[in-house]
Amino acid sequence: MRRSEFDRAVSDEFGARGAALVADLVLPRVGGQTAREALDAGTPAREVWAALCVEAEVPDDRRYGVGRMDPRRR
């Protein structure tokens, strides 16, 4: 997952509140950082997306982003 795909997935899934979640929600699965901090520190976007989905309780069937292919099908 590229950063642009991460940004699109956040926007598609969370809409207007996506920016606040990326900036403010602490994600224990990426070292207790926010998504923005984790991305800036070099954590892969897919790992940050997965952590964000867990904390925000995104259903499994939407964890690859709205309209995204399941990576196992690539």
PDB file of N, CA and C in Angstrom:
ATOM      1  N   MET A   1       0.847  -1.172   0.000  1.00  0.00           N
ATOM      2  CA  MET A   1       0.000   0.000   0.000  1.00  0.00           C
ATOM      3  C   MET A   1       0.892   1.235   0.000  1.00  0.00           C
ATOM      4  N   ARG A   2       0.655   2.106  -0.939  1.00  0.00           N
ATOM      5  CA  ARG A   2       1.383   3.378  -0.999  1.00  0.00           C
ATOM      6  C   ARG A   2       0.701   4.389  -0.077  1.00  0.00           C
ATOM      7  N   ARG A   3       1.424   5.451   0.212  1.00  0.00           N
ATOM      8  CA  ARG A   3       0.861   6.505   1.075  1.00  0.00           C
ATOM      9  C   ARG A   3      -0.398   7.095   0.448  1.00  0.00           C
ATOM     10  N   SER A   4      -0.390   7.280  -0.863  1.00  0.00           N
ATOM     11  CA  SER A   4      -1.577   7.836  -1.531  1.00  0.00           C
ATOM     12  C   SER A   4      -2.769   6.889  -1.396  1.00  0.00           C
ATOM     13  N   GLU A   5      -2.527   5.576  -1.435  1.00  0.00           N
ATOM     14  CA  GLU A   5      -3.595   4.604  -1.238  1.00  0.00           C
ATOM     15  C   GLU A   5      -4.098   4.646   0.205  1.00  0.00           C
ATOM     16  N   PHE A   6      -3.185   4.821   1.145  1.00  0.00           N
ATOM     17  CA  PHE A   6      -3.568   4.966   2.544  1.00  0.00           C
ATOM     18  C   PHE A   6      -4.473   6.181   2.711  1.00  0.00           C
ATOM     19  N   ASP A   7      -4.054   7.310   2.151  1.00  0.00           N
ATOM     20  CA  ASP A   7      -4.845   8.544   2.263  1.00  0.00           C
ATOM     21  C   ASP A   7      -6.231   8.370   1.662  1.00  0.00           C
ATOM     22  N   ARG A   8      -6.304   7.715   0.500  1.00  0.00           N
ATOM     23  CA  ARG A   8      -7.594   7.460  -0.153  1.00  0.00           C
ATOM     24  C   ARG A   8      -8.464   6.534   0.688  1.00  0.00           C
ATOM     25  N   ALA A   9      -7.861   5.488   1.244  1.00  0.00           N
ATOM     26  CA  ALA A   9      -8.609   4.541   2.069  1.00  0.00           C
ATOM     27  C   ALA A   9      -9.165   5.233   3.315  1.00  0.00           C
ATOM     28  N   VAL A  10      -8.368   6.088   3.942  1.00  0.00           N
ATOM     29  CA  VAL A  10      -8.830   6.839   5.119  1.00  0.00           C
ATOM     30  C   VAL A  10     -10.001   7.734   4.735  1.00  0.00           C
ATOM     31  N   SER A  11      -9.855   8.435   3.651  1.00  0.00           N
ATOM     32  CA  SER A  11     -10.925   9.328   3.197  1.00  0.00           C
ATOM     33  C   SER A  11     -12.197   8.556   2.861  1.00  0.00           C
ATOM     34  N   ASP A  12     -12.041   7.447   2.143  1.00  0.00           N
ATOM     35  CA  ASP A  12     -13.201   6.635   1.766  1.00  0.00           C
ATOM     36  C   ASP A  12     -13.900   6.037   2.980  1.00  0.00           C
ATOM     37  N   GLU A  13     -13.135   5.579   3.932  1.00  0.00           N
ATOM     38  CA  GLU A  13     -13.713   4.893   5.096  1.00  0.00           C
ATOM     39  C   GLU A  13     -14.258   5.859   6.148  1.00  0.00           C
ATOM     40  N   PHE A  14     -13.522   6.938   6.414  1.00  0.00           N
ATOM     41  CA  PHE A  14     -13.874   7.800   7.536  1.00  0.00           C
ATOM     42  C   PHE A  14     -14.406   9.164   7.150  1.00  0.00           C
ATOM     43  N   GLY A  15     -14.306   9.519   5.887  1.00  0.00           N
ATOM     44  CA  GLY A  15     -14.831  10.806   5.444  1.00  0.00           C
ATOM     45  C   GLY A  15     -14.148  11.974   6.135  1.00  0.00           C
ATOM     46  N   ALA A  16     -14.954  12.941   6.546  1.00  0.00           N
ATOM     47  CA  ALA A  16     -14.436  14.182   7.126  1.00  0.00           C
ATOM     48  C   ALA A  16     -13.665  13.965   8.427  1.00  0.00           C
ATOM     49  N   ARG A  17     -13.973  12.913   9.158  1.00  0.00           N
ATOM     50  CA  ARG A  17     -13.264  12.700  10.424  1.00  0.00           C
ATOM     51  C   ARG A  17     -11.941  11.955  10.249  1.00  0.00           C
ATOM     52  N   GLY A  18     -11.613  11.547   9.038  1.00  0.00           N
ATOM     53  CA  GLY A  18     -10.388  10.806   8.786  1.00  0.00           C
ATOM     54  C   GLY A  18      -9.131  11.550   9.186  1.00  0.00           C
ATOM     55  N   ALA A  19      -9.067  12.826   8.849  1.00  0.00           N
ATOM     56  CA  ALA A  19      -7.868  13.614   9.178  1.00  0.00           C
ATOM     57  C   ALA A  19      -7.651  13.672  10.688  1.00  0.00           C
ATOM     58  N   ALA A  20      -8.731  13.811  11.450  1.00  0.00           N
ATOM     59  CA  ALA A  20      -8.610  13.861  12.907  1.00  0.00           C
ATOM     60  C   ALA A  20      -8.155  12.514  13.461  1.00  0.00           C
ATOM     61  N   LEU A  21      -8.667  11.428  12.917  1.00  0.00           N
ATOM     62  CA  LEU A  21      -8.245  10.102  13.382  1.00  0.00           C
ATOM     63  C   LEU A  21      -6.768   9.873  13.111  1.00  0.00           C
ATOM     64  N   VAL A  22      -6.308  10.244  11.928  1.00  0.00           N
ATOM     65  CA  VAL A  22      -4.894  10.059  11.566  1.00  0.00           C
ATOM     66  C   VAL A  22      -3.995  10.896  12.474  1.00  0.00           C
ATOM     67  N   ALA A  23      -4.462  12.079  12.835  1.00  0.00           N
ATOM     68  CA  ALA A  23      -3.639  12.981  13.639  1.00  0.00           C
ATOM     69  C   ALA A  23      -3.716  12.696  15.134  1.00  0.00           C
ATOM     70  N   ASP A  24      -4.852  12.177  15.618  1.00  0.00           N
ATOM     71  CA  ASP A  24      -5.074  12.136  17.061  1.00  0.00           C
ATOM     72  C   ASP A  24      -5.212  10.756  17.693  1.00  0.00           C
ATOM     73  N   LEU A  25      -5.667   9.759  16.947  1.00  0.00           N
ATOM     74  CA  LEU A  25      -5.925   8.448  17.533  1.00  0.00           C
ATOM     75  C   LEU A  25      -4.615   7.697  17.755  1.00  0.00           C
ATOM     76  N   VAL A  26      -4.335   7.337  18.997  1.00  0.00           N
ATOM     77  CA  VAL A  26      -3.123   6.588  19.338  1.00  0.00           C
ATOM     78  C   VAL A  26      -3.339   5.125  18.978  1.00  0.00           C
ATOM     79  N   LEU A  27      -2.361   4.559  18.284  1.00  0.00           N
ATOM     80  CA  LEU A  27      -2.453   3.192  17.782  1.00  0.00           C
ATOM     81  C   LEU A  27      -1.434   2.305  18.498  1.00  0.00           C
ATOM     82  N   PRO A  28      -1.874   1.515  19.471  1.00  0.00           N
ATOM     83  CA  PRO A  28      -0.941   0.650  20.205  1.00  0.00           C
ATOM     84  C   PRO A  28      -0.162  -0.305  19.303  1.00  0.00           C
ATOM     85  N   ARG A  29      -0.742  -0.732  18.203  1.00  0.00           N
ATOM     86  CA  ARG A  29      -0.078  -1.702  17.319  1.00  0.00           C
ATOM     87  C   ARG A  29       1.101  -1.111  16.549  1.00  0.00           C
ATOM     88  N   VAL A  30       1.245   0.190  16.560  1.00  0.00           N
ATOM     89  CA  VAL A  30       2.415   0.815  15.918  1.00  0.00           C
ATOM     90  C   VAL A  30       3.195   1.635  16.953  1.00  0.00           C
ATOM     91  N   GLY A  31       3.344   1.049  18.130  1.00  0.00           N
ATOM     92  CA  GLY A  31       4.185   1.656  19.154  1.00  0.00           C
ATOM     93  C   GLY A  31       3.572   2.807  19.910  1.00  0.00           C
ATOM     94  N   GLY A  32       2.245   2.884  19.954  1.00  0.00           N
ATOM     95  CA  GLY A  32       1.598   3.959  20.700  1.00  0.00           C
ATOM     96  C   GLY A  32       1.700   5.311  20.028  1.00  0.00           C
ATOM     97  N   GLN A  33       1.894   5.285  18.730  1.00  0.00           N
ATOM     98  CA  GLN A  33       1.962   6.526  17.960  1.00  0.00           C
ATOM     99  C   GLN A  33       0.628   6.758  17.252  1.00  0.00           C
ATOM    100  N   THR A  34       0.429   7.976  16.781  1.00  0.00           N
ATOM    101  CA  THR A  34      -0.702   8.229  15.900  1.00  0.00           C
ATOM    102  C   THR A  34      -0.331   7.712  14.509  1.00  0.00           C
ATOM    103  N   ALA A  35      -1.313   7.609  13.638  1.00  0.00           N
ATOM    104  CA  ALA A  35      -1.032   7.160  12.272  1.00  0.00           C
ATOM    105  C   ALA A  35      -0.038   8.103  11.595  1.00  0.00           C
ATOM    106  N   ARG A  36      -0.221   9.384  11.773  1.00  0.00           N
ATOM    107  CA  ARG A  36       0.689  10.358  11.151  1.00  0.00           C
ATOM    108  C   ARG A  36       2.113  10.168  11.666  1.00  0.00           C
ATOM    109  N   GLU A  37       2.269  10.016  12.977  1.00  0.00           N
ATOM    110  CA  GLU A  37       3.602   9.823  13.551  1.00  0.00           C
ATOM    111  C   GLU A  37       4.237   8.541  13.036  1.00  0.00           C
ATOM    112  N   ALA A  38       3.447   7.478  12.972  1.00  0.00           N
ATOM    113  CA  ALA A  38       3.977   6.198  12.501  1.00  0.00           C
ATOM    114  C   ALA A  38       4.419   6.287  11.044  1.00  0.00           C
ATOM    115  N   LEU A  39       3.598   6.909  10.207  1.00  0.00           N
ATOM    116  CA  LEU A  39       3.966   7.070   8.794  1.00  0.00           C
ATOM    117  C   LEU A  39       5.226   7.916   8.654  1.00  0.00           C
ATOM    118  N   ASP A  40       5.288   9.014   9.398  1.00  0.00           N
ATOM    119  CA  ASP A  40       6.465   9.893   9.348  1.00  0.00           C
ATOM    120  C   ASP A  40       7.731   9.182   9.831  1.00  0.00           C
ATOM    121  N   ALA A  41       7.553   8.197  10.731  1.00  0.00           N
ATOM    122  CA  ALA A  41       8.694   7.443  11.255  1.00  0.00           C
ATOM    123  C   ALA A  41       9.106   6.297  10.334  1.00  0.00           C
ATOM    124  N   GLY A  42       8.360   6.118   9.238  1.00  0.00           N
ATOM    125  CA  GLY A  42       8.736   5.090   8.270  1.00  0.00           C
ATOM    126  C   GLY A  42       7.998   3.768   8.392  1.00  0.00           C
ATOM    127  N   THR A  43       6.995   3.701   9.248  1.00  0.00           N
ATOM    128  CA  THR A  43       6.191   2.484   9.344  1.00  0.00           C
ATOM    129  C   THR A  43       5.430   2.307   8.041  1.00  0.00           C
ATOM    130  N   PRO A  44       5.425   1.110   7.473  1.00  0.00           N
ATOM    131  CA  PRO A  44       4.717   0.897   6.203  1.00  0.00           C
ATOM    132  C   PRO A  44       3.233   1.283   6.301  1.00  0.00           C
ATOM    133  N   ALA A  45       2.741   1.916   5.251  1.00  0.00           N
ATOM    134  CA  ALA A  45       1.356   2.399   5.238  1.00  0.00           C
ATOM    135  C   ALA A  45       0.361   1.270   5.481  1.00  0.00           C
ATOM    136  N   ARG A  46       0.623   0.089   4.940  1.00  0.00           N
ATOM    137  CA  ARG A  46      -0.306  -1.038   5.146  1.00  0.00           C
ATOM    138  C   ARG A  46      -0.408  -1.404   6.625  1.00  0.00           C
ATOM    139  N   GLU A  47       0.722  -1.367   7.330  1.00  0.00           N
ATOM    140  CA  GLU A  47       0.738  -1.678   8.758  1.00  0.00           C
ATOM    141  C   GLU A  47      -0.037  -0.622   9.556  1.00  0.00           C
ATOM    142  N   VAL A  48       0.140   0.632   9.181  1.00  0.00           N
ATOM    143  CA  VAL A  48      -0.573   1.723   9.854  1.00  0.00           C
ATOM    144  C   VAL A  48      -2.073   1.619   9.565  1.00  0.00           C
ATOM    145  N   TRP A  49      -2.436   1.319   8.315  1.00  0.00           N
ATOM    146  CA  TRP A  49      -3.843   1.158   7.951  1.00  0.00           C
ATOM    147  C   TRP A  49      -4.470   0.038   8.770  1.00  0.00           C
ATOM    148  N   ALA A  50      -3.788  -1.082   8.904  1.00  0.00           N
ATOM    149  CA  ALA A  50      -4.309  -2.207   9.679  1.00  0.00           C
ATOM    150  C   ALA A  50      -4.505  -1.812  11.145  1.00  0.00           C
ATOM    151  N   ALA A  51      -3.549  -1.100  11.708  1.00  0.00           N
ATOM    152  CA  ALA A  51      -3.659  -0.656  13.096  1.00  0.00           C
ATOM    153  C   ALA A  51      -4.815   0.326  13.271  1.00  0.00           C
ATOM    154  N   LEU A  52      -4.973   1.225  12.325  1.00  0.00           N
ATOM    155  CA  LEU A  52      -6.072   2.191  12.374  1.00  0.00           C
ATOM    156  C   LEU A  52      -7.417   1.478  12.292  1.00  0.00           C
ATOM    157  N   CYS A  53      -7.507   0.493  11.437  1.00  0.00           N
ATOM    158  CA  CYS A  53      -8.747  -0.270  11.298  1.00  0.00           C
ATOM    159  C   CYS A  53      -9.104  -0.998  12.584  1.00  0.00           C
ATOM    160  N   VAL A  54      -8.112  -1.565  13.252  1.00  0.00           N
ATOM    161  CA  VAL A  54      -8.361  -2.271  14.512  1.00  0.00           C
ATOM    162  C   VAL A  54      -8.894  -1.292  15.557  1.00  0.00           C
ATOM    163  N   GLU A  55      -8.207  -0.185  15.730  1.00  0.00           N
ATOM    164  CA  GLU A  55      -8.607   0.782  16.764  1.00  0.00           C
ATOM    165  C   GLU A  55      -9.955   1.427  16.466  1.00  0.00           C
ATOM    166  N   ALA A  56     -10.263   1.639  15.199  1.00  0.00           N
ATOM    167  CA  ALA A  56     -11.523   2.282  14.815  1.00  0.00           C
ATOM    168  C   ALA A  56     -12.639   1.261  14.589  1.00  0.00           C
ATOM    169  N   GLU A  57     -12.330  -0.017  14.819  1.00  0.00           N
ATOM    170  CA  GLU A  57     -13.299  -1.108  14.693  1.00  0.00           C
ATOM    171  C   GLU A  57     -13.947  -1.163  13.303  1.00  0.00           C
ATOM    172  N   VAL A  58     -13.099  -1.038  12.282  1.00  0.00           N
ATOM    173  CA  VAL A  58     -13.557  -1.183  10.899  1.00  0.00           C
ATOM    174  C   VAL A  58     -13.794  -2.672  10.645  1.00  0.00           C
ATOM    175  N   PRO A  59     -14.959  -3.037  10.100  1.00  0.00           N
ATOM    176  CA  PRO A  59     -15.227  -4.454   9.822  1.00  0.00           C
ATOM    177  C   PRO A  59     -14.172  -5.047   8.879  1.00  0.00           C
ATOM    178  N   ASP A  60     -13.898  -6.339   9.066  1.00  0.00           N
ATOM    179  CA  ASP A  60     -12.878  -7.023   8.267  1.00  0.00           C
ATOM    180  C   ASP A  60     -13.085  -6.850   6.772  1.00  0.00           C
ATOM    181  N   ASP A  61     -14.306  -6.864   6.311  1.00  0.00           N
ATOM    182  CA  ASP A  61     -14.554  -6.797   4.875  1.00  0.00           C
ATOM    183  C   ASP A  61     -14.264  -5.423   4.274  1.00  0.00           C
ATOM    184  N   ARG A  62     -13.976  -4.424   5.123  1.00  0.00           N
ATOM    185  CA  ARG A  62     -13.630  -3.096   4.613  1.00  0.00           C
ATOM    186  C   ARG A  62     -12.205  -2.693   4.970  1.00  0.00           C
ATOM    187  N   ARG A  63     -11.421  -3.598   5.451  1.00  0.00           N
ATOM    188  CA  ARG A  63     -10.081  -3.234   5.927  1.00  0.00           C
ATOM    189  C   ARG A  63      -9.062  -2.958   4.843  1.00  0.00           C
ATOM    190  N   TYR A  64      -9.360  -3.196   3.607  1.00  0.00           N
ATOM    191  CA  TYR A  64      -8.428  -2.850   2.532  1.00  0.00           C
ATOM    192  C   TYR A  64      -8.823  -1.557   1.870  1.00  0.00           C
ATOM    193  N   GLY A  65      -9.778  -0.844   2.450  1.00  0.00           N
ATOM    194  CA  GLY A  65     -10.219   0.425   1.914  1.00  0.00           C
ATOM    195  C   GLY A  65     -11.401   0.235   0.982  1.00  0.00           C
ATOM    196  N   VAL A  66     -12.236   1.200   0.959  1.00  0.00           N
ATOM    197  CA  VAL A  66     -13.424   1.159   0.110  1.00  0.00           C
ATOM    198  C   VAL A  66     -12.980   1.098  -1.346  1.00  0.00           C
ATOM    199  N   GLY A  67     -13.487   0.115  -2.066  1.00  0.00           N
ATOM    200  CA  GLY A  67     -13.170  -0.004  -3.484  1.00  0.00           C
ATOM    201  C   GLY A  67     -11.791  -0.564  -3.791  1.00  0.00           C
ATOM    202  N   ARG A  68     -11.058  -1.013  -2.780  1.00  0.00           N
ATOM    203  CA  ARG A  68      -9.725  -1.555  -3.019  1.00  0.00           C
ATOM    204  C   ARG A  68      -9.815  -3.063  -3.183  1.00  0.00           C
ATOM    205  N   MET A  69      -8.952  -3.597  -3.999  1.00  0.00           N
ATOM    206  CA  MET A  69      -8.866  -5.037  -4.132  1.00  0.00           C
ATOM    207  C   MET A  69      -8.209  -5.647  -2.911  1.00  0.00           C
ATOM    208  N   ASP A  70      -8.671  -6.800  -2.535  1.00  0.00           N
ATOM    209  CA  ASP A  70      -8.004  -7.562  -1.488  1.00  0.00           C
ATOM    210  C   ASP A  70      -6.608  -7.901  -2.019  1.00  0.00           C
ATOM    211  N   PRO A  71      -5.528  -7.586  -1.280  1.00  0.00           N
ATOM    212  CA  PRO A  71      -4.175  -7.792  -1.816  1.00  0.00           C
ATOM    213  C   PRO A  71      -3.880  -9.249  -2.181  1.00  0.00           C
ATOM    214  N   ARG A  72      -4.610 -10.208  -1.652  1.00  0.00           N
ATOM    215  CA  ARG A  72      -4.374 -11.610  -1.982  1.00  0.00           C
ATOM    216  C   ARG A  72      -4.785 -11.893  -3.425  1.00  0.00           C
ATOM    217  N   ARG A  73      -5.548 -11.021  -4.062  1.00  0.00           N
ATOM    218  CA  ARG A  73      -6.008 -11.229  -5.441  1.00  0.00           C
ATOM    219  C   ARG A  73      -5.092 -10.587  -6.470  1.00  0.00           C
ATOM    220  N   ARG A  74      -4.083  -9.860  -6.050  1.00  0.00           N
ATOM    221  CA  ARG A  74      -3.207  -9.134  -6.981  1.00  0.00           C
ATOM    222  C   ARG A  74      -2.309 -10.058  -7.718  1.00  0.00           C
TER     223      ARG A  74
END
